[in-house]
Amino acid sequence: MWRAVICLCAALTVAAPVASHAQPADSDRQNPTEYNDEDAQPVKLMSYVLAPVGFVLEWGFTRPIHWIVSRSSIAPAFNSETPMTPYTPPVPPLPPDSTIAQTSTTHPREVAIGAAPSPATTQPNGQSTASAAKAPAGASGGQSVLH
């Protein structure tokens, strides 16, 4: 039953525009040489002046320049055969494995590459803060590491 309803709906969807004459016929189109109210628009009036100027600029300026830089005998000097790509700097090489340091207090995925140990400082009471420098960021009061 549902298949019959679906097929009937599909047939009505396809046949309805034809039955209601919603699709335009060729005889409904306006003659392009006939005057229309849209021809009185200011932008349309400006196009009557600007269209010939654009045509002359395209055929008299840009097309000859394109021919000179792409097909003439001096075209290789303009490098028009190579695609225009933005400059990308070279990728620096990875550091050797000896500079990868992993501590037991960090997660195995958190590996510091080329991390230098922080220098120990002396507090006013004479104690060194080297032990505080070795603690993870979350334990020393800094920003916690997000996983």
Protein backbone atom coordinates (compact mmCIF):
# COMPACT_ATOMS: atom_id res chain seq x y z
CA MET A 1 0.00 0.00 0.00
CA TRP A 2 2.81 2.43 0.93
CA ARG A 3 4.55 1.75 -2.37
CA ALA A 4 1.41 2.70 -4.27
CA VAL A 5 1.09 5.96 -2.29
CA ILE A 6 4.76 6.81 -2.88
CA CYS A 7 4.46 6.08 -6.63
CA LEU A 8 1.29 8.17 -6.89
CA CYS A 9 2.97 11.12 -5.09
CA ALA A 10 6.01 10.86 -7.37
CA ALA A 11 3.80 10.80 -10.47
CA LEU A 12 1.82 13.83 -9.29
CA THR A 13 5.03 15.71 -8.50
CA VAL A 14 6.30 15.15 -12.02
CA ALA A 15 2.99 15.68 -13.81
CA ALA A 16 1.63 18.66 -11.85
CA PRO A 17 3.74 21.40 -13.50
CA VAL A 18 2.88 20.11 -16.96
CA ALA A 19 -0.83 19.83 -16.17
CA SER A 20 -0.98 23.34 -14.70
CA HIS A 21 1.04 24.83 -17.59
CA ALA A 22 3.63 26.13 -15.12
CA GLN A 23 6.46 25.52 -17.54
CA PRO A 24 6.89 28.45 -19.94
CA ALA A 25 6.48 27.91 -23.62
CA ASP A 26 8.68 29.53 -26.25
CA SER A 27 5.78 31.75 -27.31
CA ASP A 28 5.68 33.30 -23.80
CA ARG A 29 9.10 34.88 -24.17
CA GLN A 30 9.39 38.57 -24.96
CA ASN A 31 10.93 39.76 -28.19
CA PRO A 32 14.40 41.06 -27.21
CA THR A 33 14.13 44.02 -29.63
CA GLU A 34 10.89 45.19 -28.03
CA TYR A 35 11.01 47.97 -25.40
CA ASN A 36 10.56 46.87 -21.81
CA ASP A 37 10.28 48.84 -18.56
CA GLU A 38 13.54 47.23 -17.41
CA ASP A 39 15.33 49.08 -20.21
CA ALA A 40 14.74 52.38 -18.42
CA GLN A 41 16.79 51.42 -15.36
CA PRO A 42 19.76 53.77 -14.72
CA VAL A 43 22.18 50.86 -14.57
CA LYS A 44 20.95 49.61 -17.94
CA LEU A 45 21.42 53.10 -19.39
CA MET A 46 25.00 53.20 -18.04
CA SER A 47 25.68 49.79 -19.60
CA TYR A 48 25.02 51.27 -23.05
CA VAL A 49 28.02 53.57 -22.50
CA LEU A 50 30.30 51.27 -20.49
CA ALA A 51 29.92 48.05 -22.51
CA PRO A 52 31.76 49.38 -25.61
CA VAL A 53 34.51 50.84 -23.40
CA GLY A 54 35.02 47.46 -21.71
CA PHE A 55 35.03 45.69 -25.07
CA VAL A 56 37.69 48.02 -26.46
CA LEU A 57 39.84 47.66 -23.33
CA GLU A 58 39.63 43.87 -23.40
CA TRP A 59 40.41 43.44 -27.10
CA GLY A 60 42.82 46.35 -27.40
CA PHE A 61 44.79 46.03 -24.17
CA THR A 62 44.45 42.84 -22.10
CA ARG A 63 44.28 40.26 -24.90
CA PRO A 64 47.41 41.57 -26.68
CA ILE A 65 49.31 41.63 -23.37
CA HIS A 66 48.22 38.05 -22.65
CA TRP A 67 49.41 36.96 -26.10
CA ILE A 68 52.78 38.69 -25.57
CA VAL A 69 53.44 37.02 -22.20
CA SER A 70 52.16 33.56 -23.18
CA ARG A 71 52.74 32.89 -26.91
CA SER A 72 55.25 35.36 -28.33
CA SER A 73 58.99 34.77 -28.71
CA ILE A 74 59.70 36.68 -25.48
CA ALA A 75 57.18 34.61 -23.44
CA PRO A 76 59.93 32.57 -21.67
CA ALA A 77 61.18 35.80 -20.08
CA PHE A 78 57.82 36.18 -18.32
CA ASN A 79 57.76 32.58 -16.98
CA SER A 80 54.10 32.18 -17.91
CA GLU A 81 54.39 28.37 -18.08
CA THR A 82 55.08 27.95 -14.37
CA PRO A 83 52.07 28.12 -12.05
CA MET A 84 51.90 30.95 -9.55
CA THR A 85 52.34 29.38 -6.11
CA PRO A 86 52.99 31.20 -2.86
CA TYR A 87 56.43 30.87 -1.29
CA THR A 88 56.66 28.26 1.43
CA PRO A 89 59.81 28.24 3.52
CA PRO A 90 61.73 24.97 3.76
CA VAL A 91 60.86 22.72 6.67
CA PRO A 92 63.68 22.55 9.23
CA PRO A 93 65.02 19.05 9.92
CA LEU A 94 63.93 17.20 13.03
CA PRO A 95 66.38 17.15 15.94
CA PRO A 96 68.29 13.93 16.54
CA ASP A 97 66.86 11.41 19.00
CA SER A 98 69.41 12.35 21.67
CA THR A 99 67.67 15.69 22.27
CA ILE A 100 64.28 14.13 23.02
CA ALA A 101 63.89 14.07 26.79
CA GLN A 102 61.08 12.25 28.55
CA THR A 103 60.53 12.47 32.29
CA SER A 104 58.64 10.00 34.43
CA THR A 105 56.27 12.73 35.70
CA THR A 106 54.80 13.45 32.25
CA HIS A 107 52.44 11.40 30.18
CA PRO A 108 54.17 9.19 27.56
CA ARG A 109 52.65 11.28 24.76
CA GLU A 110 53.99 14.52 26.24
CA VAL A 111 57.57 14.51 25.07
CA ALA A 112 59.66 17.66 25.30
CA ILE A 113 61.85 18.04 22.23
CA GLY A 114 65.10 19.84 22.90
CA ALA A 115 63.96 20.98 26.36
CA ALA A 116 66.78 22.42 28.39
CA PRO A 117 66.70 22.09 32.17
CA SER A 118 65.70 25.29 33.88
CA PRO A 119 68.41 26.96 35.95
CA ALA A 120 68.15 26.71 39.73
CA THR A 121 67.50 29.95 41.56
CA THR A 122 68.14 30.76 45.18
CA GLN A 123 65.31 31.97 47.37
CA PRO A 124 65.85 34.61 50.09
CA ASN A 125 66.12 31.89 52.78
CA GLY A 126 69.04 30.25 50.89
CA GLN A 127 67.17 27.20 49.53
CA SER A 128 67.40 26.22 45.85
CA THR A 129 64.27 26.08 43.70
CA ALA A 130 65.65 23.41 41.38
CA SER A 131 63.22 20.84 42.79
CA ALA A 132 60.27 23.14 42.04
CA ALA A 133 61.50 23.59 38.48
CA LYS A 134 61.45 19.82 37.88
CA ALA A 135 57.81 19.47 38.96
CA PRO A 136 55.14 19.31 36.27
CA ALA A 137 53.28 22.50 35.36
CA GLY A 138 50.09 21.50 37.20
CA ALA A 139 51.96 20.82 40.46
CA SER A 140 53.88 24.10 40.49
CA GLY A 141 50.79 26.27 40.24
CA GLY A 142 51.12 27.03 36.51
CA GLN A 143 48.65 26.20 33.80
CA SER A 144 47.57 22.56 33.79
CA VAL A 145 48.24 20.34 30.83
CA LEU A 146 45.15 19.51 28.78
CA HIS A 147 44.86 16.10 27.14
